[in-house]
Every structure is written in structure tokens, then in C-alpha cells.
C-alpha atoms as a PDB file:
ATOM      1  CA  MET A   1     178.920 120.551 122.426  1.00  0.00           C
ATOM      2  CA  ALA A   2     178.454 117.178 121.190  1.00  0.00           C
ATOM      3  CA  LEU A   3     177.194 116.625 117.487  1.00  0.00           C
ATOM      4  CA  LYS A   4     173.721 116.678 117.574  1.00  0.00           C
ATOM      5  CA  LYS A   5     171.899 113.388 115.874  1.00  0.00           C
ATOM      6  CA  VAL A   6     167.978 112.585 115.451  1.00  0.00           C
ATOM      7  CA  PHE A   7     166.517 109.111 113.879  1.00  0.00           C
ATOM      8  CA  ILE A   8     162.812 110.039 112.273  1.00  0.00           C
ATOM      9  CA  PHE A   9     160.209 107.349 112.369  1.00  0.00           C
ATOM     10  CA  TRP A  10     157.126 107.189 110.691  1.00  0.00           C
ATOM     11  CA  CYS A  11     156.206 104.178 113.045  1.00  0.00           C
ATOM     12  CA  SER A  12     154.644 103.706 117.239  1.00  0.00           C
ATOM     13  CA  PRO A  13     158.209 102.467 119.068  1.00  0.00           C
ATOM     14  CA  GLU A  14     156.460  99.012 119.796  1.00  0.00           C
ATOM     15  CA  GLY A  15     156.272  99.030 115.492  1.00  0.00           C
ATOM     16  CA  GLY A  16     159.054  96.888 113.688  1.00  0.00           C
ATOM     17  CA  SER A  17     161.336  94.961 114.224  1.00  0.00           C
ATOM     18  CA  GLY A  18     164.126  96.799 116.346  1.00  0.00           C
ATOM     19  CA  ARG A  19     166.797  97.274 113.677  1.00  0.00           C
ATOM     20  CA  GLY A  20     165.638 100.919 113.677  1.00  0.00           C
ATOM     21  CA  GLN A  21     166.120 101.632 117.192  1.00  0.00           C
ATOM     22  CA  ARG A  22     169.935  99.298 117.213  1.00  0.00           C
ATOM     23  CA  LEU A  23     170.550 101.360 114.701  1.00  0.00           C
ATOM     24  CA  CYS A  24     169.513 104.857 116.240  1.00  0.00           C
ATOM     25  CA  ASP A  25     171.467 103.280 119.705  1.00  0.00           C
ATOM     26  CA  ALA A  26     174.387 102.805 117.370  1.00  0.00           C
ATOM     27  CA  LEU A  27     174.319 106.053 115.963  1.00  0.00           C
ATOM     28  CA  GLU A  28     174.180 108.080 119.246  1.00  0.00           C
ATOM     29  CA  ALA A  29     171.300 109.444 118.098  1.00  0.00           C
ATOM     30  CA  GLN A  30     168.247 110.817 119.291  1.00  0.00           C
ATOM     31  CA  ALA A  31     164.575 108.607 118.179  1.00  0.00           C
ATOM     32  CA  VAL A  32     161.705 111.209 117.601  1.00  0.00           C
ATOM     33  CA  HIS A  33     159.039 108.697 116.540  1.00  0.00           C
ATOM     34  CA  SER A  34     155.949 110.767 114.594  1.00  0.00           C
ATOM     35  CA  TYR A  35     153.227 108.045 114.477  1.00  0.00           C
ATOM     36  CA  ILE A  36     149.723 110.181 115.320  1.00  0.00           C
ATOM     37  CA  GLU A  37     146.803 107.531 114.735  1.00  0.00           C
ATOM     38  CA  ARG A  38     144.206 109.751 115.949  1.00  0.00           C
ATOM     39  CA  ILE A  39     143.366 113.572 117.163  1.00  0.00           C
ATOM     40  CA  LEU A  40     140.772 113.934 120.072  1.00  0.00           C
ATOM     41  CA  GLY A  41     139.752 110.506 120.392  1.00  0.00           C
ATOM     42  CA  ILE A  42     138.325 110.614 116.390  1.00  0.00           C
ATOM     43  CA  PRO A  43     140.722 107.906 113.969  1.00  0.00           C
ATOM     44  CA  LEU A  44     143.083 109.743 111.039  1.00  0.00           C
ATOM     45  CA  PRO A  45     142.528 108.469 107.224  1.00  0.00           C
ATOM     46  CA  THR A  46     146.005 108.329 106.159  1.00  0.00           C
ATOM     47  CA  PRO A  47     146.655 111.494 104.376  1.00  0.00           C
ATOM     48  CA  LEU A  48     145.701 113.452 107.398  1.00  0.00           C
ATOM     49  CA  ARG A  49     147.992 111.290 109.412  1.00  0.00           C
ATOM     50  CA  TYR A  50     150.789 112.216 107.703  1.00  0.00           C
ATOM     51  CA  ALA A  51     149.779 115.598 107.800  1.00  0.00           C
ATOM     52  CA  ALA A  52     149.488 115.397 111.491  1.00  0.00           C
ATOM     53  CA  GLN A  53     153.361 114.001 111.185  1.00  0.00           C
ATOM     54  CA  THR A  54     154.465 116.325 108.682  1.00  0.00           C
ATOM     55  CA  VAL A  55     154.026 119.093 111.097  1.00  0.00           C
ATOM     56  CA  HIS A  56     155.386 116.768 114.375  1.00  0.00           C
ATOM     57  CA  THR A  57     158.206 115.892 112.670  1.00  0.00           C
ATOM     58  CA  LEU A  58     158.940 119.517 111.899  1.00  0.00           C
ATOM     59  CA  TYR A  59     158.205 120.603 115.375  1.00  0.00           C
ATOM     60  CA  HIS A  60     160.692 118.483 116.679  1.00  0.00           C
ATOM     61  CA  LEU A  61     163.789 119.122 114.217  1.00  0.00           C
ATOM     62  CA  PHE A  62     163.541 123.163 114.701  1.00  0.00           C
ATOM     63  CA  ARG A  63     163.249 121.925 118.470  1.00  0.00           C
ATOM     64  CA  ILE A  64     166.493 120.266 118.265  1.00  0.00           C
ATOM     65  CA  ARG A  65     168.552 121.540 115.329  1.00  0.00           C
ATOM     66  CA  PRO A  66     170.078 118.427 114.882  1.00  0.00           C
ATOM     67  CA  GLN A  67     173.455 118.266 112.815  1.00  0.00           C
ATOM     68  CA  GLN A  68     172.729 114.976 111.241  1.00  0.00           C
ATOM     69  CA  VAL A  69     169.313 113.256 110.550  1.00  0.00           C
ATOM     70  CA  PHE A  70     168.392 110.193 109.729  1.00  0.00           C
ATOM     71  CA  VAL A  71     165.109 108.897 108.944  1.00  0.00           C
ATOM     72  CA  GLN A  72     163.855 105.298 108.429  1.00  0.00           C
ATOM     73  CA  VAL A  73     162.265 105.129 104.311  1.00  0.00           C
ATOM     74  CA  PRO A  74     159.213 104.656 103.598  1.00  0.00           C
ATOM     75  CA  PRO A  75     156.930 106.464 103.559  1.00  0.00           C
ATOM     76  CA  VAL A  76     158.566 108.453 101.651  1.00  0.00           C
ATOM     77  CA  PHE A  77     156.948 111.546 103.032  1.00  0.00           C
ATOM     78  CA  ALA A  78     159.798 111.084 105.977  1.00  0.00           C
ATOM     79  CA  PRO A  79     162.180 111.880 104.205  1.00  0.00           C
ATOM     80  CA  LEU A  80     161.106 114.956 102.445  1.00  0.00           C
ATOM     81  CA  MET A  81     160.497 116.460 105.774  1.00  0.00           C
ATOM     82  CA  VAL A  82     164.039 115.985 106.686  1.00  0.00           C
ATOM     83  CA  ALA A  83     165.211 117.105 103.056  1.00  0.00           C
ATOM     84  CA  LEU A  84     163.212 120.387 103.886  1.00  0.00           C
ATOM     85  CA  TYR A  85     164.645 120.248 107.049  1.00  0.00           C
ATOM     86  CA  CYS A  86     168.505 120.129 106.230  1.00  0.00           C
ATOM     87  CA  LYS A  87     168.381 122.885 103.474  1.00  0.00           C
ATOM     88  CA  LEU A  88     167.257 125.495 105.428  1.00  0.00           C
ATOM     89  CA  TRP A  89     169.142 124.634 108.363  1.00  0.00           C
ATOM     90  CA  GLY A  90     172.657 123.145 106.641  1.00  0.00           C
ATOM     91  CA  ALA A  91     172.213 120.184 108.304  1.00  0.00           C
ATOM     92  CA  ARG A  92     173.071 116.482 107.060  1.00  0.00           C
ATOM     93  CA  TYR A  93     170.663 113.779 106.403  1.00  0.00           C
ATOM     94  CA  ALA A  94     170.571 109.870 106.098  1.00  0.00           C
ATOM     95  CA  ASN A  95     167.873 107.730 104.292  1.00  0.00           C
ATOM     96  CA  ASP A  96     168.085 103.925 105.748  1.00  0.00           C
ATOM     97  CA  MET A  97     166.018 102.501 103.323  1.00  0.00           C
ATOM     98  CA  HIS A  98     163.578  99.231 103.883  1.00  0.00           C
ATOM     99  CA  THR A  99     162.730  96.646 101.680  1.00  0.00           C
ATOM    100  CA  SER A 100     159.395  98.405 101.386  1.00  0.00           C
ATOM    101  CA  PHE A 101     160.089 101.150  99.737  1.00  0.00           C
ATOM    102  CA  ILE A 102     159.814  98.400  96.674  1.00  0.00           C
ATOM    103  CA  ASP A 103     156.724  97.698  97.530  1.00  0.00           C
ATOM    104  CA  PRO A 104     154.002  98.428  93.915  1.00  0.00           C
ATOM    105  CA  ARG A 105     152.481 101.264  96.422  1.00  0.00           C
ATOM    106  CA  TRP A 106     155.897 102.886  97.190  1.00  0.00           C
ATOM    107  CA  GLN A 107     156.841 102.337  93.640  1.00  0.00           C
ATOM    108  CA  ARG A 108     154.605 104.873  92.021  1.00  0.00           C
ATOM    109  CA  PHE A 109     156.682 107.765  93.926  1.00  0.00           C
ATOM    110  CA  HIS A 110     160.142 106.585  92.887  1.00  0.00           C
ATOM    111  CA  TRP A 111     160.397 110.377  90.583  1.00  0.00           C
ATOM    112  CA  LEU A 112     160.370 111.733  94.541  1.00  0.00           C
ATOM    113  CA  HIS A 113     162.685 108.638  96.225  1.00  0.00           C
ATOM    114  CA  ARG A 114     165.330 109.552  93.717  1.00  0.00           C
ATOM    115  CA  PRO A 115     166.182 112.897  94.080  1.00  0.00           C
ATOM    116  CA  LEU A 116     166.260 112.507  97.950  1.00  0.00           C
ATOM    117  CA  CYS A 117     168.482 109.540  97.881  1.00  0.00           C
ATOM    118  CA  ARG A 118     170.971 111.436  95.711  1.00  0.00           C
ATOM    119  CA  ASN A 119     170.903 114.872  97.967  1.00  0.00           C
ATOM    120  CA  ALA A 120     171.401 112.329 100.989  1.00  0.00           C
ATOM    121  CA  THR A 121     174.160 112.323 102.594  1.00  0.00           C
ATOM    122  CA  VAL A 122     174.114 108.197 103.241  1.00  0.00           C
ATOM    123  CA  ASN A 123     171.886 105.761 101.619  1.00  0.00           C
ATOM    124  CA  LEU A 124     171.722 102.045 103.936  1.00  0.00           C
ATOM    125  CA  ALA A 125     170.556  99.635 102.025  1.00  0.00           C
ATOM    126  CA  HIS A 126     169.331  96.869 104.290  1.00  0.00           C
ATOM    127  CA  ASN A 127     170.190  93.885 101.376  1.00  0.00           C
ATOM    128  CA  GLU A 128     172.349  93.363  98.015  1.00  0.00           C
ATOM    129  CA  ALA A 129     168.787  93.733  95.996  1.00  0.00           C
ATOM    130  CA  ASN A 130     167.924  97.249  97.246  1.00  0.00           C
ATOM    131  CA  GLN A 131     171.809  98.140  97.243  1.00  0.00           C
ATOM    132  CA  GLU A 132     171.829  97.034  93.110  1.00  0.00           C
ATOM    133  CA  LEU A 133     168.618  99.182  92.803  1.00  0.00           C
ATOM    134  CA  LEU A 134     169.832 102.413  95.001  1.00  0.00           C
ATOM    135  CA  GLN A 135     172.936 102.392  92.879  1.00  0.00           C
ATOM    136  CA  ASP A 136     171.514 102.299  89.756  1.00  0.00           C
ATOM    137  CA  TRP A 137     169.397 105.569  90.927  1.00  0.00           C
ATOM    138  CA  ARG A 138     173.087 107.157  91.447  1.00  0.00           C
ATOM    139  CA  ALA A 139     172.372 107.524  95.230  1.00  0.00           C
ATOM    140  CA  ARG A 140     174.711 108.716  96.598  1.00  0.00           C
ATOM    141  CA  ASN A 141     177.054 106.600  99.314  1.00  0.00           C
ATOM    142  CA  VAL A 142     175.444 103.145  98.777  1.00  0.00           C
ATOM    143  CA  THR A 143     176.136 101.240 102.302  1.00  0.00           C
ATOM    144  CA  LEU A 144     174.642  98.260 102.528  1.00  0.00           C
ATOM    145  CA  LEU A 145     173.970  97.724 106.162  1.00  0.00           C
ATOM    146  CA  LYS A 146     171.384  94.227 107.249  1.00  0.00           C
ATOM    147  CA  SER A 147     170.090  94.591 110.442  1.00  0.00           C
ATOM    148  CA  PRO A 148     172.277  93.567 113.001  1.00  0.00           C
ATOM    149  CA  ALA A 149     173.215  89.478 114.625  1.00  0.00           C
ATOM    150  CA  VAL A 150     171.630  89.409 118.682  1.00  0.00           C
ATOM    151  CA  THR A 151     172.103  87.165 121.142  1.00  0.00           C
ATOM    152  CA  ARG A 152     169.626  85.469 123.302  1.00  0.00           C
ATOM    153  CA  LYS A 153     170.558  87.575 126.373  1.00  0.00           C
ATOM    154  CA  GLU A 154     169.747  90.803 124.520  1.00  0.00           C
ATOM    155  CA  ILE A 155     165.733  89.475 123.248  1.00  0.00           C
ATOM    156  CA  CYS A 156     164.955  86.725 125.657  1.00  0.00           C
ATOM    157  CA  ASP A 157     162.722  87.250 128.973  1.00  0.00           C
ATOM    158  CA  ASP A 158     162.684  83.802 130.361  1.00  0.00           C
ATOM    159  CA  SER A 159     159.556  85.369 132.958  1.00  0.00           C
ATOM    160  CA  ALA A 160     157.719  85.457 129.505  1.00  0.00           C
ATOM    161  CA  ASP A 161     154.163  83.635 130.045  1.00  0.00           C
ATOM    162  CA  ILE A 162     153.268  81.079 127.787  1.00  0.00           C
ATOM    163  CA  THR A 163     151.445  79.494 129.949  1.00  0.00           C
ATOM    164  CA  PRO A 164     148.007  79.506 128.036  1.00  0.00           C
ATOM    165  CA  TRP A 165     149.356  77.168 125.380  1.00  0.00           C
ATOM    166  CA  GLU A 166     151.647  74.640 128.136  1.00  0.00           C
ATOM    167  CA  LYS A 167     148.729  71.613 127.604  1.00  0.00           C
ATOM    168  CA  ALA A 168     149.320  72.208 123.254  1.00  0.00           C
ATOM    169  CA  LEU A 169     152.835  72.456 123.612  1.00  0.00           C
ATOM    170  CA  GLN A 170     152.595  68.578 124.999  1.00  0.00           C
ATOM    171  CA  ALA A 171     150.418  67.579 122.425  1.00  0.00           C
ATOM    172  CA  ARG A 172     152.007  66.570 120.177  1.00  0.00           C
ATOM    173  CA  LYS A 173     155.106  65.115 118.127  1.00  0.00           C
ATOM    174  CA  ARG A 174     156.891  68.193 117.222  1.00  0.00           C
ATOM    175  CA  ASN A 175     155.892  72.216 117.446  1.00  0.00           C
ATOM    176  CA  VAL A 176     156.243  74.872 114.984  1.00  0.00           C
ATOM    177  CA  LEU A 177     156.063  78.484 115.240  1.00  0.00           C
ATOM    178  CA  MET A 178     155.090  80.630 112.394  1.00  0.00           C
ATOM    179  CA  VAL A 179     155.652  84.084 112.407  1.00  0.00           C
ATOM    180  CA  ASN A 180     153.233  86.245 110.964  1.00  0.00           C
ATOM    181  CA  ARG A 181     151.020  89.281 111.006  1.00  0.00           C
ATOM    182  CA  PHE A 182     148.225  87.892 109.013  1.00  0.00           C
ATOM    183  CA  ALA A 183     149.520  91.107 105.942  1.00  0.00           C
ATOM    184  CA  VAL A 184     149.361  90.994 102.235  1.00  0.00           C
ATOM    185  CA  ASP A 185     153.124  89.376 101.489  1.00  0.00           C
ATOM    186  CA  ASP A 186     151.990  86.884 104.502  1.00  0.00           C
ATOM    187  CA  ALA A 187     152.873  82.456 103.246  1.00  0.00           C
ATOM    188  CA  TYR A 188     149.537  82.003 106.147  1.00  0.00           C
ATOM    189  CA  LEU A 189     147.389  79.910 103.631  1.00  0.00           C
ATOM    190  CA  GLN A 190     150.423  77.495 102.846  1.00  0.00           C
ATOM    191  CA  VAL A 191     151.187  76.674 106.231  1.00  0.00           C
ATOM    192  CA  ILE A 192     147.670  76.169 106.969  1.00  0.00           C
ATOM    193  CA  ASP A 193     147.469  73.681 104.219  1.00  0.00           C
ATOM    194  CA  THR A 194     150.626  71.972 104.980  1.00  0.00           C
ATOM    195  CA  ALA A 195     149.199  71.496 108.836  1.00  0.00           C
ATOM    196  CA  LYS A 196     146.950  69.287 106.932  1.00  0.00           C
ATOM    197  CA  ARG A 197     149.165  67.090 105.821  1.00  0.00           C
ATOM    198  CA  MET A 198     151.086  66.995 109.348  1.00  0.00           C
ATOM    199  CA  PRO A 199     148.891  65.967 112.203  1.00  0.00           C
ATOM    200  CA  ASP A 200     151.878  64.896 114.191  1.00  0.00           C
ATOM    201  CA  THR A 201     152.857  68.224 114.551  1.00  0.00           C
ATOM    202  CA  THR A 202     151.277  71.321 116.205  1.00  0.00           C
ATOM    203  CA  PHE A 203     151.324  75.021 114.151  1.00  0.00           C
ATOM    204  CA  PHE A 204     151.053  78.211 115.878  1.00  0.00           C
ATOM    205  CA  LEU A 205     150.413  81.303 113.840  1.00  0.00           C
ATOM    206  CA  THR A 206     150.746  84.975 115.048  1.00  0.00           C
ATOM    207  CA  GLY A 207     149.047  87.754 114.560  1.00  0.00           C
ATOM    208  CA  ASN A 208     145.885  89.599 114.518  1.00  0.00           C
ATOM    209  CA  PRO A 209     143.315  87.699 112.518  1.00  0.00           C
ATOM    210  CA  LYS A 210     140.552  90.305 112.629  1.00  0.00           C
ATOM    211  CA  LYS A 211     142.840  92.504 110.249  1.00  0.00           C
ATOM    212  CA  LEU A 212     142.048  90.258 107.506  1.00  0.00           C
ATOM    213  CA  GLN A 213     139.347  91.425 105.010  1.00  0.00           C
ATOM    214  CA  GLU A 214     138.335  87.407 104.042  1.00  0.00           C
ATOM    215  CA  PRO A 215     137.599  85.121 106.824  1.00  0.00           C
ATOM    216  CA  LEU A 216     140.327  82.277 107.123  1.00  0.00           C
ATOM    217  CA  PRO A 217     139.232  78.944 105.912  1.00  0.00           C
ATOM    218  CA  GLU A 218     137.927  76.474 108.456  1.00  0.00           C
ATOM    219  CA  LEU A 219     141.615  74.965 110.646  1.00  0.00           C
ATOM    220  CA  PRO A 220     142.847  72.207 111.390  1.00  0.00           C
ATOM    221  CA  ASP A 221     143.203  71.565 115.001  1.00  0.00           C
ATOM    222  CA  ASN A 222     146.629  71.815 114.887  1.00  0.00           C
ATOM    223  CA  VAL A 223     146.813  74.891 113.753  1.00  0.00           C
ATOM    224  CA  ILE A 224     146.488  77.044 117.095  1.00  0.00           C
ATOM    225  CA  LEU A 225     145.872  81.506 116.273  1.00  0.00           C
ATOM    226  CA  THR A 226     148.084  82.909 119.291  1.00  0.00           C
ATOM    227  CA  ASP A 227     146.806  86.219 118.534  1.00  0.00           C
ATOM    228  CA  LEU A 228     149.625  89.269 118.508  1.00  0.00           C
ATOM    229  CA  LEU A 229     152.141  88.719 121.108  1.00  0.00           C
ATOM    230  CA  PRO A 230     153.747  91.049 123.574  1.00  0.00           C
ATOM    231  CA  ARG A 231     157.187  90.385 122.402  1.00  0.00           C
ATOM    232  CA  PRO A 232     158.568  89.328 125.774  1.00  0.00           C
ATOM    233  CA  VAL A 233     155.566  86.277 124.637  1.00  0.00           C
ATOM    234  CA  PHE A 234     156.264  85.804 121.020  1.00  0.00           C
ATOM    235  CA  LEU A 235     159.859  84.575 121.316  1.00  0.00           C
ATOM    236  CA  LYS A 236     158.871  82.883 125.124  1.00  0.00           C
ATOM    237  CA  LEU A 237     156.755  80.861 122.813  1.00  0.00           C
ATOM    238  CA  MET A 238     159.398  80.677 119.926  1.00  0.00           C
ATOM    239  CA  ASP A 239     161.918  79.452 122.502  1.00  0.00           C
ATOM    240  CA  ALA A 240     159.246  76.995 123.407  1.00  0.00           C
ATOM    241  CA  CYS A 241     159.457  75.477 119.245  1.00  0.00           C
ATOM    242  CA  ASP A 242     160.685  73.117 117.712  1.00  0.00           C
ATOM    243  CA  VAL A 243     161.231  74.559 114.120  1.00  0.00           C
ATOM    244  CA  VAL A 244     160.475  78.349 113.197  1.00  0.00           C
ATOM    245  CA  LEU A 245     158.843  79.238 109.941  1.00  0.00           C
ATOM    246  CA  THR A 246     159.963  82.726 109.175  1.00  0.00           C
ATOM    247  CA  LEU A 247     158.417  83.369 105.002  1.00  0.00           C
ATOM    248  CA  THR A 248     157.576  86.217 103.085  1.00  0.00           C
ATOM    249  CA  LEU A 249     155.975  85.973  99.564  1.00  0.00           C
ATOM    250  CA  ARG A 250     157.476  89.640  98.912  1.00  0.00           C
ATOM    251  CA  ASP A 251     160.352  88.898  96.898  1.00  0.00           C
ATOM    252  CA  ASP A 252     164.413  90.438  98.021  1.00  0.00           C
ATOM    253  CA  THR A 253     163.212  90.585 102.038  1.00  0.00           C
ATOM    254  CA  LEU A 254     165.581  89.739 104.556  1.00  0.00           C
ATOM    255  CA  LEU A 255     163.202  89.152 107.798  1.00  0.00           C
ATOM    256  CA  TRP A 256     164.909  90.225 111.146  1.00  0.00           C
ATOM    257  CA  SER A 257     163.012  86.687 112.789  1.00  0.00           C
ATOM    258  CA  ILE A 258     165.434  84.343 111.242  1.00  0.00           C
ATOM    259  CA  ARG A 259     167.897  86.786 113.277  1.00  0.00           C
ATOM    260  CA  GLU A 260     165.440  85.603 116.852  1.00  0.00           C
ATOM    261  CA  CYS A 261     166.037  82.676 115.479  1.00  0.00           C
ATOM    262  CA  LEU A 262     169.747  81.948 115.241  1.00  0.00           C
ATOM    263  CA  ALA A 263     169.626  83.469 118.649  1.00  0.00           C
ATOM    264  CA  LEU A 264     167.783  81.189 120.434  1.00  0.00           C
ATOM    265  CA  SER A 265     169.672  78.236 118.152  1.00  0.00           C
ATOM    266  CA  LYS A 266     166.383  77.340 116.431  1.00  0.00           C
ATOM    267  CA  PRO A 267     166.420  75.627 113.032  1.00  0.00           C
ATOM    268  CA  PHE A 268     164.679  77.745 110.864  1.00  0.00           C
ATOM    269  CA  VAL A 269     162.499  77.101 107.232  1.00  0.00           C
ATOM    270  CA  ALA A 270     162.946  80.705 105.274  1.00  0.00           C
ATOM    271  CA  SER A 271     161.498  81.876 102.482  1.00  0.00           C
ATOM    272  CA  HIS A 272     163.641  80.797  99.200  1.00  0.00           C
ATOM    273  CA  TRP A 273     164.526  84.667  97.923  1.00  0.00           C
ATOM    274  CA  ARG A 274     167.788  85.669  97.012  1.00  0.00           C
ATOM    275  CA  VAL A 275     169.023  87.330  99.100  1.00  0.00           C
ATOM    276  CA  VAL A 276     168.133  85.275 102.245  1.00  0.00           C
ATOM    277  CA  GLN A 277     170.248  82.097 101.340  1.00  0.00           C
ATOM    278  CA  LEU A 278     173.186  84.865 100.278  1.00  0.00           C
ATOM    279  CA  GLU A 279     173.037  85.778 103.474  1.00  0.00           C
ATOM    280  CA  PHE A 280     171.499  82.486 105.479  1.00  0.00           C
ATOM    281  CA  ASP A 281     172.576  79.835 103.722  1.00  0.00           C
ATOM    282  CA  GLY A 282     174.028  76.875 105.680  1.00  0.00           C
ATOM    283  CA  TYR A 283     171.743  77.812 108.939  1.00  0.00           C
ATOM    284  CA  GLY A 284     168.812  76.869 108.110  1.00  0.00           C
ATOM    285  CA  LEU A 285     166.197  75.693 105.071  1.00  0.00           C
ATOM    286  CA  PHE A 286     164.457  77.509 102.117  1.00  0.00           C
ATOM    287  CA  THR A 287     160.959  76.934 100.726  1.00  0.00           C
ATOM    288  CA  ASN A 288     159.101  77.870  97.665  1.00  0.00           C
ATOM    289  CA  HIS A 289     155.816  77.807  99.997  1.00  0.00           C
ATOM    290  CA  ASP A 290     154.230  74.901  98.522  1.00  0.00           C
ATOM    291  CA  PRO A 291     152.852  73.165 100.828  1.00  0.00           C
ATOM    292  CA  GLU A 292     154.299  69.771  99.958  1.00  0.00           C
ATOM    293  CA  ASP A 293     157.916  71.920  99.750  1.00  0.00           C
ATOM    294  CA  LEU A 294     157.581  73.179 103.453  1.00  0.00           C
ATOM    295  CA  ALA A 295     156.234  69.946 104.964  1.00  0.00           C
ATOM    296  CA  ALA A 296     159.531  68.125 103.754  1.00  0.00           C
ATOM    297  CA  LYS A 297     161.330  70.692 104.993  1.00  0.00           C
ATOM    298  CA  ILE A 298     159.947  70.964 108.619  1.00  0.00           C
ATOM    299  CA  GLN A 299     160.288  67.734 108.710  1.00  0.00           C
ATOM    300  CA  ASP A 300     164.116  67.757 107.841  1.00  0.00           C
ATOM    301  CA  ALA A 301     165.014  71.193 109.536  1.00  0.00           C
ATOM    302  CA  HIS A 302     163.865  69.437 112.765  1.00  0.00           C
ATOM    303  CA  GLN A 303     166.036  66.426 112.004  1.00  0.00           C
ATOM    304  CA  ARG A 304     169.158  68.633 111.226  1.00  0.00           C
ATOM    305  CA  THR A 305     168.532  70.830 114.439  1.00  0.00           C
ATOM    306  CA  SER A 306     172.107  69.826 116.452  1.00  0.00           C
ATOM    307  CA  GLU A 307     173.935  70.323 112.547  1.00  0.00           C
ATOM    308  CA  PHE A 308     172.406  74.277 112.359  1.00  0.00           C
ATOM    309  CA  VAL A 309     172.408  75.176 115.662  1.00  0.00           C
ATOM    310  CA  ALA A 310     176.551  74.115 115.941  1.00  0.00           C
ATOM    311  CA  LYS A 311     177.369  77.530 113.461  1.00  0.00           C
ATOM    312  CA  MET A 312     175.260  79.768 114.650  1.00  0.00           C
ATOM    313  CA  ALA A 313     177.100  81.003 117.375  1.00  0.00           C
ATOM    314  CA  GLN A 314     179.975  81.391 114.869  1.00  0.00           C
ATOM    315  CA  TYR A 315     177.841  83.778 112.919  1.00  0.00           C
ATOM    316  CA  ILE A 316     176.811  85.633 115.373  1.00  0.00           C
ATOM    317  CA  GLU A 317     179.359  86.807 116.754  1.00  0.00           C
ATOM    318  CA  GLN A 318     180.271  87.711 113.374  1.00  0.00           C
ATOM    319  CA  ASP A 319     177.777  89.429 112.147  1.00  0.00           C
ATOM    320  CA  LYS A 320     178.449  92.145 115.101  1.00  0.00           C
ATOM    321  CA  LEU A 321     181.934  92.734 114.187  1.00  0.00           C
ATOM    322  CA  ARG A 322     180.712  93.234 110.663  1.00  0.00           C
ATOM    323  CA  TRP A 323     177.935  95.660 112.153  1.00  0.00           C
ATOM    324  CA  LYS A 324     180.050  97.801 114.649  1.00  0.00           C
ATOM    325  CA  ASN A 325     182.907  98.218 110.812  1.00  0.00           C
ATOM    326  CA  CYS A 326     179.690  99.169 109.176  1.00  0.00           C
ATOM    327  CA  ILE A 327     178.285 101.860 111.640  1.00  0.00           C
ATOM    328  CA  GLU A 328     181.780 102.887 111.834  1.00  0.00           C
ATOM    329  CA  GLN A 329     181.813 103.511 107.722  1.00  0.00           C
ATOM    330  CA  VAL A 330     178.509 105.304 108.401  1.00  0.00           C
ATOM    331  CA  LYS A 331     179.789 107.886 110.564  1.00  0.00           C
ATOM    332  CA  THR A 332     183.251 108.679 108.708  1.00  0.00           C
ATOM    333  CA  TYR A 333     180.156 109.520 105.562  1.00  0.00           C
ATOM    334  CA  MET A 334     178.264 111.941 107.906  1.00  0.00           C
ATOM    335  CA  ASP A 335     181.113 113.123 110.213  1.00  0.00           C
ATOM    336  CA  ALA A 336     182.917 114.032 106.914  1.00  0.00           C
ATOM    337  CA  PRO A 337     184.247 117.996 106.436  1.00  0.00           C
ATOM    338  CA  PRO A 338     182.411 119.465 103.218  1.00  0.00           C
ATOM    339  CA  SER A 339     184.807 119.045 101.308  1.00  0.00           C
ATOM    340  CA  ALA A 340     185.932 115.265 100.993  1.00  0.00           C
ATOM    341  CA  PRO A 341     185.064 113.246  98.553  1.00  0.00           C
ATOM    342  CA  THR A 342     182.425 110.619  98.406  1.00  0.00           C
ATOM    343  CA  THR A 343     182.010 107.262  96.837  1.00  0.00           C
ATOM    344  CA  PRO A 344     181.949 107.865  93.141  1.00  0.00           C
ATOM    345  CA  ARG A 345     177.536 107.422  91.896  1.00  0.00           C
ATOM    346  CA  ALA A 346     177.330 104.034  90.012  1.00  0.00           C
END
């Protein structure tokens, strides 16, 4: 009988970057998405939504009865339910610790994160900063598992329709796409100020501005808000632009969109955080988000397109091998006999 594995996500199947589903597929696990925003058409406040998702998660765990459970963190309540199931059923679990678990809203739950990480069989860290924190917590089998590289063939749908922006794409000297959600860590205000300094460049800002509590400042003519785009359309528009901005005001964060830039052979300007430069130095440029610096980096990245693109295919090939080896390491930890030693707790 095949070993039953599930991967618990407290997000919609369309949510996130796609890393989780790729990890789920690589581990040969069944995805269980617990994301309940409404009941009988009535929107649920967050506490009730989490309560509903708790019931949904436990129902599927006891229905499937997996021997191994992987869970995306945060929110912390998802691994709490997984740990409860594993304690009762004698199963093993692994935490996939997303960078956002160090956000202030989740730091107040670190007292609960720590024992859950110490009792897990494996703890997956997204970058070096996350890895260091988990090791400080004495978490078990901390494994650095950065997101996998992808190829153009894997992510790009050439039939996607970007005709609404064709005229704008022809209007100016260069086109820049900002990967944006209008979230608190997005540098959209800095990019709008940068656009005012670059009238020869069209800036496409993705994301739904209606979620903002404060109105946007007056936009210059060369800034276009695309709204929230279906992923195929988003990637086709990225492919049509000359430079991509993949920025976050949150330290120690590796954004998935950089890997999409590599797949599409697009020069990028990313945030200057340590973990970003450790992984992608030499493949793009980095900014401190100051509009003057952003403008200079955009122009430089555009001029150096050939230099950066020449290195990207080799990176993707090497990174796919790295990902495969890391997945095998995770499987080794999860499949080891109970008496087998684990890595020392740092």
C-alpha cells in the first residue's frame, strides 16, 4: 500500500506563488486546501473563518488518515491542527515555514511556533534568515529549501490576451512591470514617484487598488493600473515589458516573481535585502527603494539586458538540480525509521 501523504494549505488553490503546489507535487502528496471565506453566502470574520477551516482540516485528515502531513505556515493554527492529528494517529509532520511567519502579526504566536517546530520531523526554511531563526529555536531537521527555478515553457501561455495594453506598450521608450498587490510591504508609492522622474517609460502596476484604505496619490500619465490579473495574462504582460520590478519593503524576503523573471529572460530590479542578493547577485540589480536609485537601476538593467540574460539559463539548470536534491533529503528525513538519528539540534 502506498504511503499516504497530504499537504495542508490554509489558502485558496489560486492563492500564493505556486511554490506550495510544486512542493506538494514533488513530495507526491495530496493537496488539501482549507480556505473558507463565506458560509451560506455570509462573509466570515477571521476568527470564524479559522474555526471553520480547523473543522475542515481535521475532517479531511481523519478521512484520509495520512502517515505524513506537510503544512504551510503561517497561519500557526494550521500546524497546530496537524500536530494534534499526528499525535493521535502516530503520523509525522513537516512545517513549510514561509517568510511571513516573522511578520509582527505572527511574532506574537512564536511561543506556539517553537514547540510545533521542535516536534515536527522536518522544518523547511525559505531562505538563510529563516533558517537561522529556526536553528535558534532548536527546531528539528531544519532544511533550507528555496523555491524552485521554472522555465518559460512551464509558466508562459502565449495565447494569453494582453490586447488591452498593446497601445500603451508602444507608447514610450521602455516598459516596466511592477509585481504588486497593494499590500503593506509593496513599494508602489516609491514606484509612482519614480515614474514621475521617467516620462519616457511606461509603468504597469498590477494588483487591486480597491483594497487600499488610503487613496492613491495622483498618478502621472505613464502609470497604468492593470488591476488583479489572471496569472497567464500577468506573465504575458511581464514578458512584453523590458524591465521587471520585484520589490518588498519586508526584510529577509525572497520573492517568487524573480524566478519568473529568470524564466522569461527579463532583467529585474529587486529589493536590496541580504537573502535576495545571496541568491540572485549577478542576475539583476538591487535597490534601496529610493525613487532616484530606482530610476537609475531601471535604466541600467535595461542597458545590461544581454549581460543578465546570458546567465539565466545556466542558473535555471543548476537550480533544478538543487531542488531535486533537497526534495530527496526531505523524503529521507520523513521516511527514516523512528529509531534513526536526526540532525543535531543547533
